[in-house]
Amino acid sequence: MRIAFMGTPEFAVIILDALIGAGHEIAAVYSRPSRRAGRGKEYKTSPVYRRAEAAGIEVRTPISLRGEEEQKAFAALDLDVAVVAAYGLILPEPILNAPRLRCLNVHASILPRWRGAAPVQRAILAGDRLTGATIMEMEKGLDTGAMLARLPVEIDRKTAGELTTEIANTGAHLLTHILDNWTRVGRMPQEEGAVTYAEKIRKEEAKLDFALHAVQVERQVRAFNPAPGAWFEHEGERIKVLSAEIRAEGGEPGTVLDHGLAIACREGSIVPSIVQRSGRAPMTTSELLRGFVIPAGTRLK
């Protein structure tokens, strides 16, 4: 098939690689424009941009798709289908209607649960047992289109980063199967009564809330790994917690219970195992405590 691919982060790179590997003709790749990143605030292209460029595929980075010229340029690609995976721009109706087989979206949840911007993180925070990948036809509403296929993925104790990679691989498999069997693909409307929305993650949500049950605090750790990183503050410095274990022992929420950095929650406690100081590489908790003492009895913010 002749395809335009529209995506931006690493999640989308996995989908793009599957399309290239399956032998589809990628007429063009659309990705978000370069943005300033890192300490030097230098302009940095997206992971999808870099992958497409390496593969010799034309990359387009419009700020918006609402303009008539951009829409004409898209229509001129003469597409069978457009595949969208975490692109980050709204597709207006002229774009949605341009490909002969319309636009397909690879969404990181089992729709209609967790429509929206942060389905992986919200599924972890909610304590869901399963999430997964859904391939759907795109329409004007937010993740409202008919579903072509769904495949579940178990969450277990996975971080958002680990889960995102697994879902991307699942979605890539589903997508290539659908494109190879297009004439036999069915469509299923979403059950509106089962809809939930995955709102964008706010930076302040990453601050660990020890007033919650230890189970919920540990979910925060996994949901915000790798970004933005769950954290607590001590002596004016933010310490990110990248992984943690749950213990039954409790105490006053936010209190350090021992010399191993067990931290009391509303019920139970968490013990960080991998942490990261500002501007430094991740380290074990024991490595942290050798040079940054946090005594038992300390109340963490």
Foldseek 3Di string as FASTA:
>chain_A
DEEEEAAFAPLSVLLVVLCVVLPYHHQEYEAAAWFQDDPVRDTDGGPNVVSCVVVVHHYDHDNACPDPVNLVVLLVSAAQEYEYEHRPYQDDPSNQPRHVPGYKYKDWFFPLEAFEDQRLLVCLLVVHQKTAIWIFRDDNDGPFGWTQDTDIDGDPLAASVVSSNVRSNRSSVVVSVCVVVVVPTDTHGGDVVNHDHDDDDDPVLLEQALQDAQSSSQSSLRSQVPPPFRWWDDPRWTKGFNHKDWAQDADPGQFQAAQQRWGHGNGTTIGGQWMDTPPGDIDGSVVVCVVPPDHGGDRID
